[in-house]
Every structure is written in structure tokens, then in C-alpha cells.
Amino acid sequence: MQLDIFAHSRDVMLRNDVADALQRRDAVAARGALQLLLSECPSDDLLPALSTLTRALEGQRPERFSDHDALQRAHGEITCEVVPAATRVFGDT
């Protein structure tokens, strides 16, 4: 199947807008771009990963964790959810 740049360019642009905002660590821009992608391309296969990364960026992390359990939960979330999502969106780099 050949890629038609006119038929496939809008979704790529919207996806790239979310990824760019994530790389800049701009949670507001990432959320806005994600909402636009969701509204225009609701079946995009990167939506779950982009959503996970946006939520992680929006989430407030304490400078210090209150106890070992809190640290362990954060580590688990990063290891099990954020890292796989980042790899899916940005590759292994």
C-alpha cells in the first residue's frame, strides 16, 4: 500500500504536534494537541501512548516522596506505563 501524503498528512501533523509539545514539556500544548488529534482521528493507534505521556507530564510529582511506598508506586507507573508509551511514540532513543 502506497502512502498518499494528501490523505495521510493531517493525522501525521496532529500526531507530531502532540509529540513536539511533549518534548518541550509543555503540558498545556500537549493536552490541546491531543484533544485535536482525538477529535479528528479518534482511531489513531498512537492515542493511548500519547494520552499516557500527556497525563504523566500533567501529573504533579513531589520533590520528595512521603514514604517508600509512594516512591515504589511512582517507579512502577514510570516503568510499566510511561517508558513503554515513550518508546512507542519516540522509539528507543
PDB file of N, CA and C in Angstrom:
ATOM      1  N   MET A   1       0.843  -1.186   0.000  1.00  0.00           N
ATOM      2  CA  MET A   1       0.000   0.000   0.000  1.00  0.00           C
ATOM      3  C   MET A   1       0.880   1.238   0.000  1.00  0.00           C
ATOM      4  N   GLN A   2       0.609   2.130  -0.896  1.00  0.00           N
ATOM      5  CA  GLN A   2       1.399   3.343  -1.015  1.00  0.00           C
ATOM      6  C   GLN A   2       0.778   4.450  -0.172  1.00  0.00           C
ATOM      7  N   LEU A   3       1.645   5.201   0.495  1.00  0.00           N
ATOM      8  CA  LEU A   3       1.189   6.310   1.326  1.00  0.00           C
ATOM      9  C   LEU A   3       0.804   7.493   0.442  1.00  0.00           C
ATOM     10  N   ASP A   4      -0.385   7.994   0.638  1.00  0.00           N
ATOM     11  CA  ASP A   4      -0.862   9.172  -0.064  1.00  0.00           C
ATOM     12  C   ASP A   4      -0.650  10.361   0.869  1.00  0.00           C
ATOM     13  N   ILE A   5       0.325  11.212   0.569  1.00  0.00           N
ATOM     14  CA  ILE A   5       0.666  12.295   1.507  1.00  0.00           C
ATOM     15  C   ILE A   5      -0.487  13.275   1.713  1.00  0.00           C
ATOM     16  N   PHE A   6      -1.376  13.376   0.753  1.00  0.00           N
ATOM     17  CA  PHE A   6      -2.505  14.287   0.932  1.00  0.00           C
ATOM     18  C   PHE A   6      -3.564  13.677   1.844  1.00  0.00           C
ATOM     19  N   ALA A   7      -3.753  12.384   1.745  1.00  0.00           N
ATOM     20  CA  ALA A   7      -4.756  11.722   2.567  1.00  0.00           C
ATOM     21  C   ALA A   7      -4.261  11.453   3.981  1.00  0.00           C
ATOM     22  N   HIS A   8      -2.948  11.341   4.173  1.00  0.00           N
ATOM     23  CA  HIS A   8      -2.397  10.954   5.462  1.00  0.00           C
ATOM     24  C   HIS A   8      -1.621  12.057   6.173  1.00  0.00           C
ATOM     25  N   SER A   9      -1.567  13.222   5.621  1.00  0.00           N
ATOM     26  CA  SER A   9      -0.719  14.257   6.206  1.00  0.00           C
ATOM     27  C   SER A   9      -1.337  14.930   7.435  1.00  0.00           C
ATOM     28  N   ARG A  10      -2.634  15.077   7.492  1.00  0.00           N
ATOM     29  CA  ARG A  10      -3.264  15.775   8.622  1.00  0.00           C
ATOM     30  C   ARG A  10      -3.053  15.003   9.925  1.00  0.00           C
ATOM     31  N   ASP A  11      -3.253  13.697   9.902  1.00  0.00           N
ATOM     32  CA  ASP A  11      -3.064  12.920  11.119  1.00  0.00           C
ATOM     33  C   ASP A  11      -1.599  12.910  11.557  1.00  0.00           C
ATOM     34  N   VAL A  12      -0.697  12.877  10.612  1.00  0.00           N
ATOM     35  CA  VAL A  12       0.734  12.921  10.944  1.00  0.00           C
ATOM     36  C   VAL A  12       1.074  14.261  11.579  1.00  0.00           C
ATOM     37  N   MET A  13       0.554  15.333  11.017  1.00  0.00           N
ATOM     38  CA  MET A  13       0.812  16.658  11.562  1.00  0.00           C
ATOM     39  C   MET A  13       0.268  16.781  12.987  1.00  0.00           C
ATOM     40  N   LEU A  14      -0.943  16.298  13.206  1.00  0.00           N
ATOM     41  CA  LEU A  14      -1.548  16.373  14.540  1.00  0.00           C
ATOM     42  C   LEU A  14      -0.758  15.534  15.546  1.00  0.00           C
ATOM     43  N   ARG A  15      -0.350  14.346  15.131  1.00  0.00           N
ATOM     44  CA  ARG A  15       0.464  13.478  15.989  1.00  0.00           C
ATOM     45  C   ARG A  15       1.781  14.163  16.337  1.00  0.00           C
ATOM     46  N   ASN A  16       2.404  14.766  15.342  1.00  0.00           N
ATOM     47  CA  ASN A  16       3.672  15.458  15.568  1.00  0.00           C
ATOM     48  C   ASN A  16       3.513  16.666  16.488  1.00  0.00           C
ATOM     49  N   ASP A  17       2.374  17.332  16.415  1.00  0.00           N
ATOM     50  CA  ASP A  17       2.120  18.469  17.313  1.00  0.00           C
ATOM     51  C   ASP A  17       2.104  18.008  18.775  1.00  0.00           C
ATOM     52  N   VAL A  18       1.478  16.869  19.033  1.00  0.00           N
ATOM     53  CA  VAL A  18       1.458  16.344  20.399  1.00  0.00           C
ATOM     54  C   VAL A  18       2.871  15.963  20.826  1.00  0.00           C
ATOM     55  N   ALA A  19       3.571  15.228  19.975  1.00  0.00           N
ATOM     56  CA  ALA A  19       4.932  14.779  20.302  1.00  0.00           C
ATOM     57  C   ALA A  19       5.865  15.960  20.540  1.00  0.00           C
ATOM     58  N   ASP A  20       5.739  16.990  19.717  1.00  0.00           N
ATOM     59  CA  ASP A  20       6.581  18.182  19.883  1.00  0.00           C
ATOM     60  C   ASP A  20       6.311  18.863  21.226  1.00  0.00           C
ATOM     61  N   ALA A  21       5.049  18.998  21.593  1.00  0.00           N
ATOM     62  CA  ALA A  21       4.700  19.613  22.873  1.00  0.00           C
ATOM     63  C   ALA A  21       5.218  18.772  24.039  1.00  0.00           C
ATOM     64  N   LEU A  22       5.139  17.464  23.902  1.00  0.00           N
ATOM     65  CA  LEU A  22       5.674  16.584  24.947  1.00  0.00           C
ATOM     66  C   LEU A  22       7.184  16.757  25.086  1.00  0.00           C
ATOM     67  N   GLN A  23       7.877  16.824  23.976  1.00  0.00           N
ATOM     68  CA  GLN A  23       9.334  17.004  24.027  1.00  0.00           C
ATOM     69  C   GLN A  23       9.718  18.342  24.658  1.00  0.00           C
ATOM     70  N   ARG A  24       8.892  19.343  24.455  1.00  0.00           N
ATOM     71  CA  ARG A  24       9.150  20.661  25.059  1.00  0.00           C
ATOM     72  C   ARG A  24       8.665  20.729  26.499  1.00  0.00           C
ATOM     73  N   ARG A  25       8.024  19.655  26.959  1.00  0.00           N
ATOM     74  CA  ARG A  25       7.450  19.564  28.304  1.00  0.00           C
ATOM     75  C   ARG A  25       6.391  20.639  28.548  1.00  0.00           C
ATOM     76  N   ASP A  26       5.614  20.894  27.504  1.00  0.00           N
ATOM     77  CA  ASP A  26       4.529  21.873  27.565  1.00  0.00           C
ATOM     78  C   ASP A  26       3.216  21.105  27.697  1.00  0.00           C
ATOM     79  N   ALA A  27       2.784  20.909  28.927  1.00  0.00           N
ATOM     80  CA  ALA A  27       1.596  20.094  29.199  1.00  0.00           C
ATOM     81  C   ALA A  27       0.335  20.701  28.600  1.00  0.00           C
ATOM     82  N   VAL A  28       0.207  22.010  28.641  1.00  0.00           N
ATOM     83  CA  VAL A  28      -0.991  22.669  28.115  1.00  0.00           C
ATOM     84  C   VAL A  28      -1.078  22.466  26.599  1.00  0.00           C
ATOM     85  N   ALA A  29       0.022  22.684  25.907  1.00  0.00           N
ATOM     86  CA  ALA A  29       0.030  22.497  24.455  1.00  0.00           C
ATOM     87  C   ALA A  29      -0.172  21.027  24.092  1.00  0.00           C
ATOM     88  N   ALA A  30       0.414  20.127  24.870  1.00  0.00           N
ATOM     89  CA  ALA A  30       0.248  18.692  24.607  1.00  0.00           C
ATOM     90  C   ALA A  30      -1.214  18.294  24.753  1.00  0.00           C
ATOM     91  N   ARG A  31      -1.874  18.762  25.805  1.00  0.00           N
ATOM     92  CA  ARG A  31      -3.284  18.433  26.023  1.00  0.00           C
ATOM     93  C   ARG A  31      -4.144  18.983  24.884  1.00  0.00           C
ATOM     94  N   GLY A  32      -3.895  20.217  24.479  1.00  0.00           N
ATOM     95  CA  GLY A  32      -4.669  20.810  23.380  1.00  0.00           C
ATOM     96  C   GLY A  32      -4.472  20.066  22.069  1.00  0.00           C
ATOM     97  N   ALA A  33      -3.224  19.734  21.755  1.00  0.00           N
ATOM     98  CA  ALA A  33      -2.940  18.998  20.521  1.00  0.00           C
ATOM     99  C   ALA A  33      -3.525  17.593  20.580  1.00  0.00           C
ATOM    100  N   LEU A  34      -3.475  16.984  21.744  1.00  0.00           N
ATOM    101  CA  LEU A  34      -4.044  15.655  21.917  1.00  0.00           C
ATOM    102  C   LEU A  34      -5.554  15.682  21.714  1.00  0.00           C
ATOM    103  N   GLN A  35      -6.233  16.676  22.256  1.00  0.00           N
ATOM    104  CA  GLN A  35      -7.686  16.791  22.085  1.00  0.00           C
ATOM    105  C   GLN A  35      -8.053  16.974  20.607  1.00  0.00           C
ATOM    106  N   LEU A  36      -7.244  17.747  19.901  1.00  0.00           N
ATOM    107  CA  LEU A  36      -7.500  17.946  18.472  1.00  0.00           C
ATOM    108  C   LEU A  36      -7.294  16.641  17.705  1.00  0.00           C
ATOM    109  N   LEU A  37      -6.224  15.930  18.025  1.00  0.00           N
ATOM    110  CA  LEU A  37      -5.985  14.636  17.387  1.00  0.00           C
ATOM    111  C   LEU A  37      -7.130  13.671  17.690  1.00  0.00           C
ATOM    112  N   LEU A  38      -7.571  13.645  18.925  1.00  0.00           N
ATOM    113  CA  LEU A  38      -8.669  12.766  19.327  1.00  0.00           C
ATOM    114  C   LEU A  38      -9.958  13.096  18.577  1.00  0.00           C
ATOM    115  N   SER A  39     -10.224  14.385  18.398  1.00  0.00           N
ATOM    116  CA  SER A  39     -11.465  14.776  17.722  1.00  0.00           C
ATOM    117  C   SER A  39     -11.417  14.496  16.221  1.00  0.00           C
ATOM    118  N   GLU A  40     -10.254  14.620  15.620  1.00  0.00           N
ATOM    119  CA  GLU A  40     -10.153  14.430  14.168  1.00  0.00           C
ATOM    120  C   GLU A  40      -9.761  13.008  13.760  1.00  0.00           C
ATOM    121  N   CYS A  41      -9.058  12.316  14.632  1.00  0.00           N
ATOM    122  CA  CYS A  41      -8.574  10.964  14.311  1.00  0.00           C
ATOM    123  C   CYS A  41      -8.783  10.052  15.518  1.00  0.00           C
ATOM    124  N   PRO A  42     -10.035   9.777  15.884  1.00  0.00           N
ATOM    125  CA  PRO A  42     -10.299   9.042  17.116  1.00  0.00           C
ATOM    126  C   PRO A  42      -9.781   7.605  17.137  1.00  0.00           C
ATOM    127  N   SER A  43      -9.436   7.060  15.994  1.00  0.00           N
ATOM    128  CA  SER A  43      -8.928   5.686  15.965  1.00  0.00           C
ATOM    129  C   SER A  43      -7.413   5.629  15.762  1.00  0.00           C
ATOM    130  N   ASP A  44      -6.741   6.758  15.906  1.00  0.00           N
ATOM    131  CA  ASP A  44      -5.285   6.781  15.733  1.00  0.00           C
ATOM    132  C   ASP A  44      -4.635   5.816  16.717  1.00  0.00           C
ATOM    133  N   ASP A  45      -3.737   4.999  16.226  1.00  0.00           N
ATOM    134  CA  ASP A  45      -3.145   3.966  17.071  1.00  0.00           C
ATOM    135  C   ASP A  45      -2.156   4.492  18.110  1.00  0.00           C
ATOM    136  N   LEU A  46      -1.741   5.736  17.986  1.00  0.00           N
ATOM    137  CA  LEU A  46      -0.833   6.313  18.991  1.00  0.00           C
ATOM    138  C   LEU A  46      -1.559   7.060  20.107  1.00  0.00           C
ATOM    139  N   LEU A  47      -2.879   7.186  20.016  1.00  0.00           N
ATOM    140  CA  LEU A  47      -3.631   7.919  21.036  1.00  0.00           C
ATOM    141  C   LEU A  47      -3.407   7.393  22.453  1.00  0.00           C
ATOM    142  N   PRO A  48      -3.431   6.089  22.691  1.00  0.00           N
ATOM    143  CA  PRO A  48      -3.203   5.622  24.069  1.00  0.00           C
ATOM    144  C   PRO A  48      -1.823   6.023  24.610  1.00  0.00           C
ATOM    145  N   ALA A  49      -0.805   5.873  23.804  1.00  0.00           N
ATOM    146  CA  ALA A  49       0.550   6.222  24.251  1.00  0.00           C
ATOM    147  C   ALA A  49       0.680   7.738  24.451  1.00  0.00           C
ATOM    148  N   LEU A  50       0.155   8.509  23.531  1.00  0.00           N
ATOM    149  CA  LEU A  50       0.214   9.966  23.667  1.00  0.00           C
ATOM    150  C   LEU A  50      -0.578  10.439  24.880  1.00  0.00           C
ATOM    151  N   SER A  51      -1.701   9.799  25.145  1.00  0.00           N
ATOM    152  CA  SER A  51      -2.503  10.140  26.323  1.00  0.00           C
ATOM    153  C   SER A  51      -1.745   9.834  27.609  1.00  0.00           C
ATOM    154  N   THR A  52      -1.096   8.686  27.656  1.00  0.00           N
ATOM    155  CA  THR A  52      -0.307   8.317  28.831  1.00  0.00           C
ATOM    156  C   THR A  52       0.801   9.322  29.086  1.00  0.00           C
ATOM    157  N   LEU A  53       1.505   9.715  28.046  1.00  0.00           N
ATOM    158  CA  LEU A  53       2.602  10.675  28.203  1.00  0.00           C
ATOM    159  C   LEU A  53       2.086  12.055  28.612  1.00  0.00           C
ATOM    160  N   THR A  54       0.960  12.451  28.058  1.00  0.00           N
ATOM    161  CA  THR A  54       0.386  13.749  28.420  1.00  0.00           C
ATOM    162  C   THR A  54      -0.042  13.755  29.879  1.00  0.00           C
ATOM    163  N   ARG A  55      -0.701  12.690  30.315  1.00  0.00           N
ATOM    164  CA  ARG A  55      -1.101  12.591  31.730  1.00  0.00           C
ATOM    165  C   ARG A  55       0.127  12.605  32.645  1.00  0.00           C
ATOM    166  N   ALA A  56       1.165  11.910  32.248  1.00  0.00           N
ATOM    167  CA  ALA A  56       2.390  11.878  33.064  1.00  0.00           C
ATOM    168  C   ALA A  56       3.014  13.265  33.163  1.00  0.00           C
ATOM    169  N   LEU A  57       2.979  13.997  32.069  1.00  0.00           N
ATOM    170  CA  LEU A  57       3.537  15.351  32.075  1.00  0.00           C
ATOM    171  C   LEU A  57       2.680  16.291  32.919  1.00  0.00           C
ATOM    172  N   GLU A  58       1.377  16.103  32.880  1.00  0.00           N
ATOM    173  CA  GLU A  58       0.472  16.956  33.653  1.00  0.00           C
ATOM    174  C   GLU A  58       0.522  16.644  35.150  1.00  0.00           C
ATOM    175  N   GLY A  59       0.844  15.414  35.476  1.00  0.00           N
ATOM    176  CA  GLY A  59       0.838  14.992  36.874  1.00  0.00           C
ATOM    177  C   GLY A  59       1.905  15.693  37.695  1.00  0.00           C
ATOM    178  N   GLN A  60       1.513  16.113  38.855  1.00  0.00           N
ATOM    179  CA  GLN A  60       2.446  16.766  39.753  1.00  0.00           C
ATOM    180  C   GLN A  60       3.214  15.713  40.542  1.00  0.00           C
ATOM    181  N   ARG A  61       4.492  15.728  40.466  1.00  0.00           N
ATOM    182  CA  ARG A  61       5.329  14.813  41.232  1.00  0.00           C
ATOM    183  C   ARG A  61       5.935  15.595  42.386  1.00  0.00           C
ATOM    184  N   PRO A  62       5.909  15.014  43.542  1.00  0.00           N
ATOM    185  CA  PRO A  62       6.519  15.706  44.684  1.00  0.00           C
ATOM    186  C   PRO A  62       8.036  15.757  44.523  1.00  0.00           C
ATOM    187  N   GLU A  63       8.618  16.798  45.092  1.00  0.00           N
ATOM    188  CA  GLU A  63      10.076  16.889  45.077  1.00  0.00           C
ATOM    189  C   GLU A  63      10.666  15.734  45.889  1.00  0.00           C
ATOM    190  N   ARG A  64       9.966  15.408  46.959  1.00  0.00           N
ATOM    191  CA  ARG A  64      10.350  14.272  47.791  1.00  0.00           C
ATOM    192  C   ARG A  64       9.112  13.416  48.006  1.00  0.00           C
ATOM    193  N   PHE A  65       9.297  12.129  47.995  1.00  0.00           N
ATOM    194  CA  PHE A  65       8.184  11.224  48.237  1.00  0.00           C
ATOM    195  C   PHE A  65       7.986  11.055  49.737  1.00  0.00           C
ATOM    196  N   SER A  66       6.745  10.887  50.124  1.00  0.00           N
ATOM    197  CA  SER A  66       6.412  10.832  51.546  1.00  0.00           C
ATOM    198  C   SER A  66       6.922   9.568  52.221  1.00  0.00           C
ATOM    199  N   ASP A  67       6.971   8.488  51.464  1.00  0.00           N
ATOM    200  CA  ASP A  67       7.475   7.237  52.032  1.00  0.00           C
ATOM    201  C   ASP A  67       7.919   6.308  50.907  1.00  0.00           C
ATOM    202  N   HIS A  68       8.424   5.159  51.311  1.00  0.00           N
ATOM    203  CA  HIS A  68       8.943   4.201  50.336  1.00  0.00           C
ATOM    204  C   HIS A  68       7.840   3.690  49.410  1.00  0.00           C
ATOM    205  N   ASP A  69       6.646   3.492  49.927  1.00  0.00           N
ATOM    206  CA  ASP A  69       5.528   3.001  49.102  1.00  0.00           C
ATOM    207  C   ASP A  69       5.180   3.990  47.991  1.00  0.00           C
ATOM    208  N   ALA A  70       5.188   5.273  48.303  1.00  0.00           N
ATOM    209  CA  ALA A  70       4.891   6.299  47.302  1.00  0.00           C
ATOM    210  C   ALA A  70       5.957   6.289  46.204  1.00  0.00           C
ATOM    211  N   LEU A  71       7.197   6.153  46.599  1.00  0.00           N
ATOM    212  CA  LEU A  71       8.285   6.070  45.631  1.00  0.00           C
ATOM    213  C   LEU A  71       8.139   4.826  44.765  1.00  0.00           C
ATOM    214  N   GLN A  72       7.799   3.712  45.392  1.00  0.00           N
ATOM    215  CA  GLN A  72       7.623   2.466  44.657  1.00  0.00           C
ATOM    216  C   GLN A  72       6.474   2.561  43.652  1.00  0.00           C
ATOM    217  N   ARG A  73       5.370   3.185  44.032  1.00  0.00           N
ATOM    218  CA  ARG A  73       4.233   3.369  43.115  1.00  0.00           C
ATOM    219  C   ARG A  73       4.638   4.233  41.918  1.00  0.00           C
ATOM    220  N   ALA A  74       5.341   5.309  42.185  1.00  0.00           N
ATOM    221  CA  ALA A  74       5.783   6.193  41.095  1.00  0.00           C
ATOM    222  C   ALA A  74       6.736   5.450  40.165  1.00  0.00           C
ATOM    223  N   HIS A  75       7.645   4.700  40.741  1.00  0.00           N
ATOM    224  CA  HIS A  75       8.593   3.934  39.928  1.00  0.00           C
ATOM    225  C   HIS A  75       7.847   2.916  39.065  1.00  0.00           C
ATOM    226  N   GLY A  76       6.864   2.236  39.642  1.00  0.00           N
ATOM    227  CA  GLY A  76       6.078   1.267  38.890  1.00  0.00           C
ATOM    228  C   GLY A  76       5.323   1.898  37.741  1.00  0.00           C
ATOM    229  N   GLU A  77       4.736   3.064  38.000  1.00  0.00           N
ATOM    230  CA  GLU A  77       3.996   3.772  36.950  1.00  0.00           C
ATOM    231  C   GLU A  77       4.927   4.169  35.811  1.00  0.00           C
ATOM    232  N   ILE A  78       6.081   4.696  36.168  1.00  0.00           N
ATOM    233  CA  ILE A  78       7.033   5.114  35.136  1.00  0.00           C
ATOM    234  C   ILE A  78       7.526   3.909  34.344  1.00  0.00           C
ATOM    235  N   THR A  79       7.872   2.852  35.046  1.00  0.00           N
ATOM    236  CA  THR A  79       8.424   1.664  34.396  1.00  0.00           C
ATOM    237  C   THR A  79       7.389   0.928  33.546  1.00  0.00           C
ATOM    238  N   CYS A  80       6.197   0.783  34.059  1.00  0.00           N
ATOM    239  CA  CYS A  80       5.174  -0.036  33.385  1.00  0.00           C
ATOM    240  C   CYS A  80       4.308   0.728  32.393  1.00  0.00           C
ATOM    241  N   GLU A  81       4.190   2.039  32.564  1.00  0.00           N
ATOM    242  CA  GLU A  81       3.291   2.807  31.699  1.00  0.00           C
ATOM    243  C   GLU A  81       4.013   3.864  30.865  1.00  0.00           C
ATOM    244  N   VAL A  82       4.787   4.716  31.524  1.00  0.00           N
ATOM    245  CA  VAL A  82       5.378   5.861  30.832  1.00  0.00           C
ATOM    246  C   VAL A  82       6.490   5.434  29.872  1.00  0.00           C
ATOM    247  N   VAL A  83       7.394   4.580  30.325  1.00  0.00           N
ATOM    248  CA  VAL A  83       8.502   4.160  29.460  1.00  0.00           C
ATOM    249  C   VAL A  83       7.994   3.442  28.204  1.00  0.00           C
ATOM    250  N   PRO A  84       7.074   2.466  28.326  1.00  0.00           N
ATOM    251  CA  PRO A  84       6.565   1.848  27.098  1.00  0.00           C
ATOM    252  C   PRO A  84       5.860   2.838  26.157  1.00  0.00           C
ATOM    253  N   ALA A  85       5.136   3.782  26.729  1.00  0.00           N
ATOM    254  CA  ALA A  85       4.461   4.792  25.897  1.00  0.00           C
ATOM    255  C   ALA A  85       5.487   5.679  25.189  1.00  0.00           C
ATOM    256  N   ALA A  86       6.523   6.086  25.909  1.00  0.00           N
ATOM    257  CA  ALA A  86       7.564   6.916  25.293  1.00  0.00           C
ATOM    258  C   ALA A  86       8.289   6.162  24.194  1.00  0.00           C
ATOM    259  N   THR A  87       8.543   4.883  24.419  1.00  0.00           N
ATOM    260  CA  THR A  87       9.190   4.075  23.386  1.00  0.00           C
ATOM    261  C   THR A  87       8.291   3.948  22.162  1.00  0.00           C
ATOM    262  N   ARG A  88       6.998   3.800  22.396  1.00  0.00           N
ATOM    263  CA  ARG A  88       6.040   3.685  21.283  1.00  0.00           C
ATOM    264  C   ARG A  88       6.005   4.965  20.451  1.00  0.00           C
ATOM    265  N   VAL A  89       6.068   6.108  21.123  1.00  0.00           N
ATOM    266  CA  VAL A  89       5.961   7.393  20.415  1.00  0.00           C
ATOM    267  C   VAL A  89       7.301   7.822  19.835  1.00  0.00           C
ATOM    268  N   PHE A  90       8.360   7.732  20.619  1.00  0.00           N
ATOM    269  CA  PHE A  90       9.652   8.299  20.229  1.00  0.00           C
ATOM    270  C   PHE A  90      10.694   7.269  19.799  1.00  0.00           C
ATOM    271  N   GLY A  91      10.405   6.003  19.964  1.00  0.00           N
ATOM    272  CA  GLY A  91      11.380   4.968  19.623  1.00  0.00           C
ATOM    273  C   GLY A  91      12.305   4.719  20.796  1.00  0.00           C
ATOM    274  N   ASP A  92      13.353   3.988  20.560  1.00  0.00           N
ATOM    275  CA  ASP A  92      14.265   3.575  21.629  1.00  0.00           C
ATOM    276  C   ASP A  92      15.275   4.646  22.035  1.00  0.00           C
ATOM    277  N   THR A  93      15.250   5.778  21.403  1.00  0.00           N
ATOM    278  CA  THR A  93      16.254   6.812  21.714  1.00  0.00           C
ATOM    279  C   THR A  93      15.946   7.520  23.004  1.00  0.00           C
TER     280      THR A  93
END
